[in-house]
Amino acid sequence: MLQNDAVRTLQYDSEIRVAQQSNATEPRVYDSHISITSQPRPGSEAPRIPLPTVTGSRTFMPLSGYDCLADLPSVHIEQTFELNESLTAVSSENRYVVRSPLGDAVFAASESSTEKNRLLWGAGRPFQMHLLDKTHQEALVFRKKFALGSMCCQAKSLEIWIPPGNVLGRVVQSPTFMQPEFFIEDGNTGQPVFCVEGPANSGFCCFCLPKECYFKVHSGGNLRASIDHKWMASKSQYTTNIYFSDAKLTAKERALILGSAFLLEYMYFQTRF
C-alpha cells in the first residue's frame, strides 16, 4: 500500500524488527499439466498475519495493527539518533520506537522524506511516517503535507492512515496566537473528536515552547489524555509521552492521539533550521 524503500532499510530494535529486506524469490515452475481455475487479481493484498494475543487487565486478540494500544495506560516515543546526522548539514530521516510503560516496543516508526525537503524546510518538511507492529506489518501511516502555518492561510496538519489505504482521522492546527491548539478530526465524518491545547502565553504563533512542556487532550470539557515532552535521565534523551487518562478510549481514538503527538514532535521539539 504505502510501503517504500525507506521503510525496508531499517534495522532491529529490541524485540520488534522495523523492517526487513525484501528477498527476491524464484518463479514457480510447473513440470506437469495443470488446470487454472481462477485468475490472479492484480492489486489484491495478502491477509495480515495474526497479531499475538494481548494479556493485561483483559485478554484479547488484536484485529488490526493499532488494536494493541487499546489496553495501554501510556506510550512513550523515543527517537533513535544516527551518526551521519551529526556529521552532515542535512538531517537524516527520523526513526522512533513507541514503547509501552514496561519498555516493550509496540511500534517502530520510520520517516520517509526527500533530502531536498529536509534541507530546505527542516522540521517543517512534508513526510510519511510508517509504523510497523510486532509482526513486521504496517499498522499506521502518518502523512504530513507541506504547509506554511495557519498565519499563511494554510494550517499545518497530519493525516492518520491504516492499511489498505483508509483515513482514520486528521490532526489540524487551529489559528491561535498565544496558545498552541489543534483539533483531532474523525476520518469518516470530519467532525472534531478531541481538542489538543498547549501551555498558555507561549509566545507569538507558539514558536517559543520550552523543551519540557505539557499538552492537554480533552473533549466535552473532560480531560481524556495528556502529552508531555520531558528529559528522561535514565535514557539521557528527551521523550514524548502520552498518558491516557480515560481508560474507555478506543484503540482508534488512541491511534489518533498518537498521531497528534508525532505532529507536535515535529512542530515544536525538532531542531529548527
C-alpha atoms as a PDB file:
ATOM      1  CA  MET A   1       0.000   0.000   0.000  1.00  0.00           C
ATOM      2  CA  LEU A   2       2.172   2.796   1.335  1.00  0.00           C
ATOM      3  CA  GLN A   3       5.464   0.931   1.662  1.00  0.00           C
ATOM      4  CA  ASN A   4       8.635   2.286   0.068  1.00  0.00           C
ATOM      5  CA  ASP A   5      12.362   1.658   0.040  1.00  0.00           C
ATOM      6  CA  ALA A   6      12.992   3.855   3.076  1.00  0.00           C
ATOM      7  CA  VAL A   7      10.917   1.540   5.247  1.00  0.00           C
ATOM      8  CA  ARG A   8      12.720  -1.589   4.061  1.00  0.00           C
ATOM      9  CA  THR A   9      16.201  -0.403   5.018  1.00  0.00           C
ATOM     10  CA  LEU A  10      15.780  -0.185   8.786  1.00  0.00           C
ATOM     11  CA  GLN A  11      17.348  -2.350  11.450  1.00  0.00           C
ATOM     12  CA  TYR A  12      16.308  -4.188  14.606  1.00  0.00           C
ATOM     13  CA  ASP A  13      15.232  -2.558  17.853  1.00  0.00           C
ATOM     14  CA  SER A  14      14.569  -4.741  20.896  1.00  0.00           C
ATOM     15  CA  GLU A  15      12.082  -7.495  20.065  1.00  0.00           C
ATOM     16  CA  ILE A  16      10.473  -5.628  17.164  1.00  0.00           C
ATOM     17  CA  ARG A  17      12.017  -5.526  13.741  1.00  0.00           C
ATOM     18  CA  VAL A  18      11.356  -2.254  11.991  1.00  0.00           C
ATOM     19  CA  ALA A  19      11.510  -3.695   8.526  1.00  0.00           C
ATOM     20  CA  GLN A  20      13.048  -6.499   6.599  1.00  0.00           C
ATOM     21  CA  GLN A  21      14.804  -6.540   3.270  1.00  0.00           C
ATOM     22  CA  SER A  22      12.607  -7.961   0.577  1.00  0.00           C
ATOM     23  CA  ASN A  23      14.018 -11.197  -0.821  1.00  0.00           C
ATOM     24  CA  ALA A  24      13.616 -11.991  -4.472  1.00  0.00           C
ATOM     25  CA  THR A  25      12.002 -15.412  -4.936  1.00  0.00           C
ATOM     26  CA  GLU A  26      12.341 -17.633  -7.949  1.00  0.00           C
ATOM     27  CA  PRO A  27       9.201 -18.051 -10.067  1.00  0.00           C
ATOM     28  CA  ARG A  28       7.445 -21.346  -9.612  1.00  0.00           C
ATOM     29  CA  VAL A  29       7.978 -23.810 -12.466  1.00  0.00           C
ATOM     30  CA  TYR A  30       5.370 -26.493 -13.093  1.00  0.00           C
ATOM     31  CA  ASP A  31       6.583 -29.792 -14.518  1.00  0.00           C
ATOM     32  CA  SER A  32       3.154 -31.225 -15.294  1.00  0.00           C
ATOM     33  CA  HIS A  33      -0.104 -30.139 -16.867  1.00  0.00           C
ATOM     34  CA  ILE A  34      -2.337 -28.086 -14.553  1.00  0.00           C
ATOM     35  CA  SER A  35      -5.781 -26.579 -14.846  1.00  0.00           C
ATOM     36  CA  ILE A  36      -6.189 -22.902 -13.965  1.00  0.00           C
ATOM     37  CA  THR A  37      -9.451 -22.475 -12.069  1.00  0.00           C
ATOM     38  CA  SER A  38      -9.102 -18.793 -11.132  1.00  0.00           C
ATOM     39  CA  GLN A  39      -7.216 -15.833 -12.489  1.00  0.00           C
ATOM     40  CA  PRO A  40      -4.867 -13.831 -10.267  1.00  0.00           C
ATOM     41  CA  ARG A  41      -6.243 -10.470  -9.217  1.00  0.00           C
ATOM     42  CA  PRO A  42      -3.791  -7.594  -9.598  1.00  0.00           C
ATOM     43  CA  GLY A  43      -3.542  -5.320  -6.613  1.00  0.00           C
ATOM     44  CA  SER A  44      -5.082  -7.768  -4.152  1.00  0.00           C
ATOM     45  CA  GLU A  45      -3.256  -7.876  -0.843  1.00  0.00           C
ATOM     46  CA  ALA A  46      -2.405 -10.931   1.222  1.00  0.00           C
ATOM     47  CA  PRO A  47      -4.252 -11.234   4.532  1.00  0.00           C
ATOM     48  CA  ARG A  48      -2.498  -9.808   7.552  1.00  0.00           C
ATOM     49  CA  ILE A  49      -0.511 -12.096   9.802  1.00  0.00           C
ATOM     50  CA  PRO A  50      -2.427 -12.504  13.091  1.00  0.00           C
ATOM     51  CA  LEU A  51      -1.086 -10.369  15.918  1.00  0.00           C
ATOM     52  CA  PRO A  52      -0.045 -12.009  19.201  1.00  0.00           C
ATOM     53  CA  THR A  53      -2.646 -12.173  21.958  1.00  0.00           C
ATOM     54  CA  VAL A  54      -2.508  -9.226  24.349  1.00  0.00           C
ATOM     55  CA  THR A  55      -2.653 -10.042  28.053  1.00  0.00           C
ATOM     56  CA  GLY A  56      -3.110  -7.428  30.764  1.00  0.00           C
ATOM     57  CA  SER A  57      -6.209  -6.241  32.575  1.00  0.00           C
ATOM     58  CA  ARG A  58      -8.001  -8.258  29.897  1.00  0.00           C
ATOM     59  CA  THR A  59      -7.001 -10.793  27.248  1.00  0.00           C
ATOM     60  CA  PHE A  60      -7.941 -10.162  23.622  1.00  0.00           C
ATOM     61  CA  MET A  61      -6.820 -10.869  20.074  1.00  0.00           C
ATOM     62  CA  PRO A  62      -5.923  -7.653  18.167  1.00  0.00           C
ATOM     63  CA  LEU A  63      -7.723  -7.472  14.831  1.00  0.00           C
ATOM     64  CA  SER A  64      -5.660  -4.590  13.414  1.00  0.00           C
ATOM     65  CA  GLY A  65      -2.195  -3.220  13.972  1.00  0.00           C
ATOM     66  CA  TYR A  66      -3.281  -0.368  16.226  1.00  0.00           C
ATOM     67  CA  ASP A  67      -5.514  -2.535  18.436  1.00  0.00           C
ATOM     68  CA  CYS A  68      -2.527  -3.196  20.699  1.00  0.00           C
ATOM     69  CA  LEU A  69      -2.979   0.372  22.009  1.00  0.00           C
ATOM     70  CA  ALA A  70      -6.394  -0.447  23.470  1.00  0.00           C
ATOM     71  CA  ASP A  71      -5.187  -1.652  26.871  1.00  0.00           C
ATOM     72  CA  LEU A  72      -2.143   0.552  27.455  1.00  0.00           C
ATOM     73  CA  PRO A  73      -2.252   3.296  30.117  1.00  0.00           C
ATOM     74  CA  SER A  74       0.520   5.208  28.354  1.00  0.00           C
ATOM     75  CA  VAL A  75       3.005   5.071  25.483  1.00  0.00           C
ATOM     76  CA  HIS A  76       6.419   6.680  25.160  1.00  0.00           C
ATOM     77  CA  ILE A  77       8.023   7.846  21.905  1.00  0.00           C
ATOM     78  CA  GLU A  78      11.808   7.580  21.769  1.00  0.00           C
ATOM     79  CA  GLN A  79      13.880   8.871  18.869  1.00  0.00           C
ATOM     80  CA  THR A  80      16.875   6.885  17.676  1.00  0.00           C
ATOM     81  CA  PHE A  81      19.816   9.005  16.553  1.00  0.00           C
ATOM     82  CA  GLU A  82      22.209   8.294  13.708  1.00  0.00           C
ATOM     83  CA  LEU A  83      25.862   9.235  13.404  1.00  0.00           C
ATOM     84  CA  ASN A  84      25.621  10.700   9.908  1.00  0.00           C
ATOM     85  CA  GLU A  85      23.115  13.320  11.121  1.00  0.00           C
ATOM     86  CA  SER A  86      25.724  14.828  13.451  1.00  0.00           C
ATOM     87  CA  LEU A  87      28.405  14.761  10.752  1.00  0.00           C
ATOM     88  CA  THR A  88      26.446  16.357   7.905  1.00  0.00           C
ATOM     89  CA  ALA A  89      24.441  19.538   7.480  1.00  0.00           C
ATOM     90  CA  VAL A  90      21.369  17.662   6.231  1.00  0.00           C
ATOM     91  CA  SER A  91      19.323  15.818   8.833  1.00  0.00           C
ATOM     92  CA  SER A  92      18.524  12.208   8.103  1.00  0.00           C
ATOM     93  CA  GLU A  93      15.092  10.608   8.105  1.00  0.00           C
ATOM     94  CA  ASN A  94      13.957  10.253  11.703  1.00  0.00           C
ATOM     95  CA  ARG A  95      13.469   6.901  13.403  1.00  0.00           C
ATOM     96  CA  TYR A  96      11.371   6.320  16.518  1.00  0.00           C
ATOM     97  CA  VAL A  97      10.301   3.496  18.784  1.00  0.00           C
ATOM     98  CA  VAL A  98       6.906   3.635  20.506  1.00  0.00           C
ATOM     99  CA  ARG A  99       7.144   1.773  23.811  1.00  0.00           C
ATOM    100  CA  SER A 100       4.708   0.574  26.462  1.00  0.00           C
ATOM    101  CA  PRO A 101       5.103   1.533  30.152  1.00  0.00           C
ATOM    102  CA  LEU A 102       7.107  -1.688  30.652  1.00  0.00           C
ATOM    103  CA  GLY A 103       9.561  -0.711  27.912  1.00  0.00           C
ATOM    104  CA  ASP A 104       8.304  -3.181  25.307  1.00  0.00           C
ATOM    105  CA  ALA A 105       8.426  -1.966  21.718  1.00  0.00           C
ATOM    106  CA  VAL A 106       4.867  -1.520  20.415  1.00  0.00           C
ATOM    107  CA  PHE A 107       5.668   0.151  17.094  1.00  0.00           C
ATOM    108  CA  ALA A 108       8.782   1.021  15.169  1.00  0.00           C
ATOM    109  CA  ALA A 109       8.359   4.265  13.210  1.00  0.00           C
ATOM    110  CA  SER A 110      10.399   5.376  10.216  1.00  0.00           C
ATOM    111  CA  GLU A 111      10.160   8.655   8.336  1.00  0.00           C
ATOM    112  CA  SER A 112      10.123   8.818   4.547  1.00  0.00           C
ATOM    113  CA  SER A 113      11.069  12.215   3.080  1.00  0.00           C
ATOM    114  CA  THR A 114      13.361  13.697   0.457  1.00  0.00           C
ATOM    115  CA  GLU A 115      16.792  15.145   1.176  1.00  0.00           C
ATOM    116  CA  LYS A 116      15.763  18.359  -0.579  1.00  0.00           C
ATOM    117  CA  ASN A 117      12.789  18.913   1.724  1.00  0.00           C
ATOM    118  CA  ARG A 118      14.862  18.152   4.813  1.00  0.00           C
ATOM    119  CA  LEU A 119      17.471  20.685   3.692  1.00  0.00           C
ATOM    120  CA  LEU A 120      15.014  23.442   2.716  1.00  0.00           C
ATOM    121  CA  TRP A 121      12.278  23.118   5.320  1.00  0.00           C
ATOM    122  CA  GLY A 122      13.904  21.408   8.289  1.00  0.00           C
ATOM    123  CA  ALA A 123      11.380  20.195  10.860  1.00  0.00           C
ATOM    124  CA  GLY A 124       8.537  21.737   8.813  1.00  0.00           C
ATOM    125  CA  ARG A 125       9.116  19.323   5.920  1.00  0.00           C
ATOM    126  CA  PRO A 126       6.417  17.078   4.460  1.00  0.00           C
ATOM    127  CA  PHE A 127       6.875  13.394   5.212  1.00  0.00           C
ATOM    128  CA  GLN A 128       5.301   9.990   5.655  1.00  0.00           C
ATOM    129  CA  MET A 129       5.802   8.118   8.909  1.00  0.00           C
ATOM    130  CA  HIS A 130       5.391   4.334   8.712  1.00  0.00           C
ATOM    131  CA  LEU A 131       4.613   2.463  11.939  1.00  0.00           C
ATOM    132  CA  LEU A 132       5.224  -1.288  11.923  1.00  0.00           C
ATOM    133  CA  ASP A 133       3.922  -3.639  14.599  1.00  0.00           C
ATOM    134  CA  LYS A 134       5.491  -6.742  16.152  1.00  0.00           C
ATOM    135  CA  THR A 135       4.581  -8.876  13.143  1.00  0.00           C
ATOM    136  CA  HIS A 136       6.624  -6.513  10.922  1.00  0.00           C
ATOM    137  CA  GLN A 137       3.451  -5.321   9.194  1.00  0.00           C
ATOM    138  CA  GLU A 138       2.354  -1.761   8.625  1.00  0.00           C
ATOM    139  CA  ALA A 139      -0.110  -0.739  11.340  1.00  0.00           C
ATOM    140  CA  LEU A 140      -0.373   3.038  10.824  1.00  0.00           C
ATOM    141  CA  VAL A 141       0.891   5.665   8.414  1.00  0.00           C
ATOM    142  CA  PHE A 142       1.132   9.367   9.256  1.00  0.00           C
ATOM    143  CA  ARG A 143       1.165  11.787   6.327  1.00  0.00           C
ATOM    144  CA  LYS A 144       2.168  15.410   6.757  1.00  0.00           C
ATOM    145  CA  LYS A 145       1.869  17.729   3.788  1.00  0.00           C
ATOM    146  CA  PHE A 146       3.860  20.893   3.338  1.00  0.00           C
ATOM    147  CA  ALA A 147       2.133  23.885   4.914  1.00  0.00           C
ATOM    148  CA  LEU A 148       3.339  27.327   5.941  1.00  0.00           C
ATOM    149  CA  GLY A 149       1.150  27.524   9.036  1.00  0.00           C
ATOM    150  CA  SER A 150      -2.211  28.999   9.976  1.00  0.00           C
ATOM    151  CA  MET A 151      -0.912  32.581   9.647  1.00  0.00           C
ATOM    152  CA  CYS A 152      -0.404  31.941   5.919  1.00  0.00           C
ATOM    153  CA  CYS A 153      -3.951  30.568   5.451  1.00  0.00           C
ATOM    154  CA  GLN A 154      -2.600  27.026   5.256  1.00  0.00           C
ATOM    155  CA  ALA A 155      -2.823  25.259   8.606  1.00  0.00           C
ATOM    156  CA  LYS A 156      -0.374  22.503   9.403  1.00  0.00           C
ATOM    157  CA  SER A 157      -1.995  19.099   9.598  1.00  0.00           C
ATOM    158  CA  LEU A 158      -1.291  15.397   9.735  1.00  0.00           C
ATOM    159  CA  GLU A 159      -3.376  12.514   8.400  1.00  0.00           C
ATOM    160  CA  ILE A 160      -3.568   9.117  10.096  1.00  0.00           C
ATOM    161  CA  TRP A 161      -3.981   6.208   7.661  1.00  0.00           C
ATOM    162  CA  ILE A 162      -4.486   2.477   8.156  1.00  0.00           C
ATOM    163  CA  PRO A 163      -3.997  -0.377   5.653  1.00  0.00           C
ATOM    164  CA  PRO A 164      -5.060  -0.921   2.953  1.00  0.00           C
ATOM    165  CA  GLY A 165      -5.472   2.841   2.433  1.00  0.00           C
ATOM    166  CA  ASN A 166      -8.188   4.265   4.663  1.00  0.00           C
ATOM    167  CA  VAL A 167      -8.063   7.591   6.504  1.00  0.00           C
ATOM    168  CA  LEU A 168      -8.540   7.044  10.220  1.00  0.00           C
ATOM    169  CA  GLY A 169      -8.501  10.749  11.074  1.00  0.00           C
ATOM    170  CA  ARG A 170      -6.690  14.090  10.881  1.00  0.00           C
ATOM    171  CA  VAL A 171      -4.935  16.475  13.231  1.00  0.00           C
ATOM    172  CA  VAL A 172      -5.414  20.091  12.157  1.00  0.00           C
ATOM    173  CA  GLN A 173      -3.764  23.205  13.606  1.00  0.00           C
ATOM    174  CA  SER A 174      -6.088  25.931  14.876  1.00  0.00           C
ATOM    175  CA  PRO A 175      -5.253  29.598  14.048  1.00  0.00           C
ATOM    176  CA  THR A 176      -4.330  30.813  17.529  1.00  0.00           C
ATOM    177  CA  PHE A 177      -1.786  33.428  18.628  1.00  0.00           C
ATOM    178  CA  MET A 178      -0.905  32.854  22.282  1.00  0.00           C
ATOM    179  CA  GLN A 179      -1.572  29.150  22.806  1.00  0.00           C
ATOM    180  CA  PRO A 180      -0.989  26.061  20.612  1.00  0.00           C
ATOM    181  CA  GLU A 181      -4.285  24.437  19.730  1.00  0.00           C
ATOM    182  CA  PHE A 182      -5.161  21.512  17.461  1.00  0.00           C
ATOM    183  CA  PHE A 183      -8.312  19.611  16.588  1.00  0.00           C
ATOM    184  CA  ILE A 184      -8.358  15.855  16.054  1.00  0.00           C
ATOM    185  CA  GLU A 185     -10.997  15.019  13.443  1.00  0.00           C
ATOM    186  CA  ASP A 186     -12.660  11.716  12.626  1.00  0.00           C
ATOM    187  CA  GLY A 187     -11.731  10.408   9.192  1.00  0.00           C
ATOM    188  CA  ASN A 188     -15.273   9.328   8.296  1.00  0.00           C
ATOM    189  CA  THR A 189     -17.329  12.288   9.474  1.00  0.00           C
ATOM    190  CA  GLY A 190     -14.712  15.050   9.508  1.00  0.00           C
ATOM    191  CA  GLN A 191     -16.081  16.197  12.874  1.00  0.00           C
ATOM    192  CA  PRO A 192     -13.720  17.201  15.729  1.00  0.00           C
ATOM    193  CA  VAL A 193     -13.255  14.432  18.290  1.00  0.00           C
ATOM    194  CA  PHE A 194     -10.626  15.966  20.596  1.00  0.00           C
ATOM    195  CA  CYS A 195      -9.017  19.323  21.196  1.00  0.00           C
ATOM    196  CA  VAL A 196      -5.294  19.465  21.996  1.00  0.00           C
ATOM    197  CA  GLU A 197      -4.171  22.536  23.952  1.00  0.00           C
ATOM    198  CA  GLY A 198      -0.628  23.532  24.841  1.00  0.00           C
ATOM    199  CA  PRO A 199       0.704  25.893  27.512  1.00  0.00           C
ATOM    200  CA  ALA A 200      -0.858  29.352  27.591  1.00  0.00           C
ATOM    201  CA  ASN A 201       1.112  32.520  26.789  1.00  0.00           C
ATOM    202  CA  SER A 202       3.789  30.536  24.971  1.00  0.00           C
ATOM    203  CA  GLY A 203       4.698  33.290  22.537  1.00  0.00           C
ATOM    204  CA  PHE A 204       3.569  34.744  19.209  1.00  0.00           C
ATOM    205  CA  CYS A 205       2.452  31.923  16.877  1.00  0.00           C
ATOM    206  CA  CYS A 206       3.534  29.498  19.614  1.00  0.00           C
ATOM    207  CA  PHE A 207       7.120  29.238  18.328  1.00  0.00           C
ATOM    208  CA  CYS A 208       8.696  29.645  21.767  1.00  0.00           C
ATOM    209  CA  LEU A 209       7.752  26.468  23.584  1.00  0.00           C
ATOM    210  CA  PRO A 210      10.260  25.182  26.129  1.00  0.00           C
ATOM    211  CA  LYS A 211      11.817  21.766  25.650  1.00  0.00           C
ATOM    212  CA  GLU A 212       9.723  20.452  28.531  1.00  0.00           C
ATOM    213  CA  CYS A 213       6.043  21.261  28.229  1.00  0.00           C
ATOM    214  CA  TYR A 214       2.587  19.767  28.615  1.00  0.00           C
ATOM    215  CA  PHE A 215      -0.424  19.410  26.297  1.00  0.00           C
ATOM    216  CA  LYS A 216      -3.987  18.561  27.305  1.00  0.00           C
ATOM    217  CA  VAL A 217      -6.232  16.371  25.152  1.00  0.00           C
ATOM    218  CA  HIS A 218      -9.875  16.935  26.056  1.00  0.00           C
ATOM    219  CA  SER A 219     -13.397  16.674  24.706  1.00  0.00           C
ATOM    220  CA  GLY A 220     -16.630  17.942  26.179  1.00  0.00           C
ATOM    221  CA  GLY A 221     -14.706  19.655  28.963  1.00  0.00           C
ATOM    222  CA  ASN A 222     -13.240  16.360  30.205  1.00  0.00           C
ATOM    223  CA  LEU A 223      -9.546  15.500  30.150  1.00  0.00           C
ATOM    224  CA  ARG A 224      -9.114  12.378  28.032  1.00  0.00           C
ATOM    225  CA  ALA A 225      -5.321  12.202  27.696  1.00  0.00           C
ATOM    226  CA  SER A 226      -2.170  14.273  28.068  1.00  0.00           C
ATOM    227  CA  ILE A 227       1.020  14.642  26.054  1.00  0.00           C
ATOM    228  CA  ASP A 228       4.277  15.884  27.514  1.00  0.00           C
ATOM    229  CA  HIS A 229       7.846  16.250  26.335  1.00  0.00           C
ATOM    230  CA  LYS A 230      10.457  15.860  29.027  1.00  0.00           C
ATOM    231  CA  TRP A 231      14.019  14.823  29.731  1.00  0.00           C
ATOM    232  CA  MET A 232      14.473  11.203  30.772  1.00  0.00           C
ATOM    233  CA  ALA A 233      17.623  10.885  32.843  1.00  0.00           C
ATOM    234  CA  SER A 234      17.563   7.086  32.610  1.00  0.00           C
ATOM    235  CA  LYS A 235      17.778   7.278  28.811  1.00  0.00           C
ATOM    236  CA  SER A 236      19.761  10.530  28.534  1.00  0.00           C
ATOM    237  CA  GLN A 237      17.332  11.965  25.998  1.00  0.00           C
ATOM    238  CA  TYR A 238      14.020  13.732  25.609  1.00  0.00           C
ATOM    239  CA  THR A 239      10.933  11.586  25.087  1.00  0.00           C
ATOM    240  CA  THR A 240       7.363  12.398  24.094  1.00  0.00           C
ATOM    241  CA  ASN A 241       4.946  10.689  26.465  1.00  0.00           C
ATOM    242  CA  ILE A 242       1.223  10.064  26.088  1.00  0.00           C
ATOM    243  CA  TYR A 243      -0.870   9.289  29.170  1.00  0.00           C
ATOM    244  CA  PHE A 244      -4.400   8.040  28.526  1.00  0.00           C
ATOM    245  CA  SER A 245      -6.464   9.482  31.378  1.00  0.00           C
ATOM    246  CA  ASP A 246      -9.692   7.889  30.162  1.00  0.00           C
ATOM    247  CA  ALA A 247      -9.497   4.087  30.261  1.00  0.00           C
ATOM    248  CA  LYS A 248     -12.555   3.914  27.972  1.00  0.00           C
ATOM    249  CA  LEU A 249     -10.701   5.376  24.991  1.00  0.00           C
ATOM    250  CA  THR A 250     -10.935   3.073  21.980  1.00  0.00           C
ATOM    251  CA  ALA A 251      -7.925   1.862  20.025  1.00  0.00           C
ATOM    252  CA  LYS A 252      -8.903   4.209  17.189  1.00  0.00           C
ATOM    253  CA  GLU A 253      -9.011   7.226  19.495  1.00  0.00           C
ATOM    254  CA  ARG A 254      -5.631   6.301  20.972  1.00  0.00           C
ATOM    255  CA  ALA A 255      -4.159   5.985  17.487  1.00  0.00           C
ATOM    256  CA  LEU A 256      -5.428   9.484  16.630  1.00  0.00           C
ATOM    257  CA  ILE A 257      -3.855  10.880  19.805  1.00  0.00           C
ATOM    258  CA  LEU A 258      -0.593   9.121  18.900  1.00  0.00           C
ATOM    259  CA  GLY A 259      -0.672  10.873  15.521  1.00  0.00           C
ATOM    260  CA  SER A 260      -1.125  14.251  17.207  1.00  0.00           C
ATOM    261  CA  ALA A 261       1.926  13.543  19.389  1.00  0.00           C
ATOM    262  CA  PHE A 262       4.065  12.991  16.291  1.00  0.00           C
ATOM    263  CA  LEU A 263       2.849  16.270  14.770  1.00  0.00           C
ATOM    264  CA  LEU A 264       3.768  18.109  17.986  1.00  0.00           C
ATOM    265  CA  GLU A 265       7.169  16.415  17.968  1.00  0.00           C
ATOM    266  CA  TYR A 266       7.994  17.858  14.542  1.00  0.00           C
ATOM    267  CA  MET A 267       6.430  21.265  15.052  1.00  0.00           C
ATOM    268  CA  TYR A 268       7.914  22.162  18.427  1.00  0.00           C
ATOM    269  CA  PHE A 269      10.648  19.797  19.521  1.00  0.00           C
ATOM    270  CA  GLN A 270      12.711  19.026  16.424  1.00  0.00           C
ATOM    271  CA  THR A 271      15.828  21.079  15.684  1.00  0.00           C
ATOM    272  CA  ARG A 272      14.841  24.019  13.510  1.00  0.00           C
ATOM    273  CA  PHE A 273      16.838  25.444  10.630  1.00  0.00           C
END
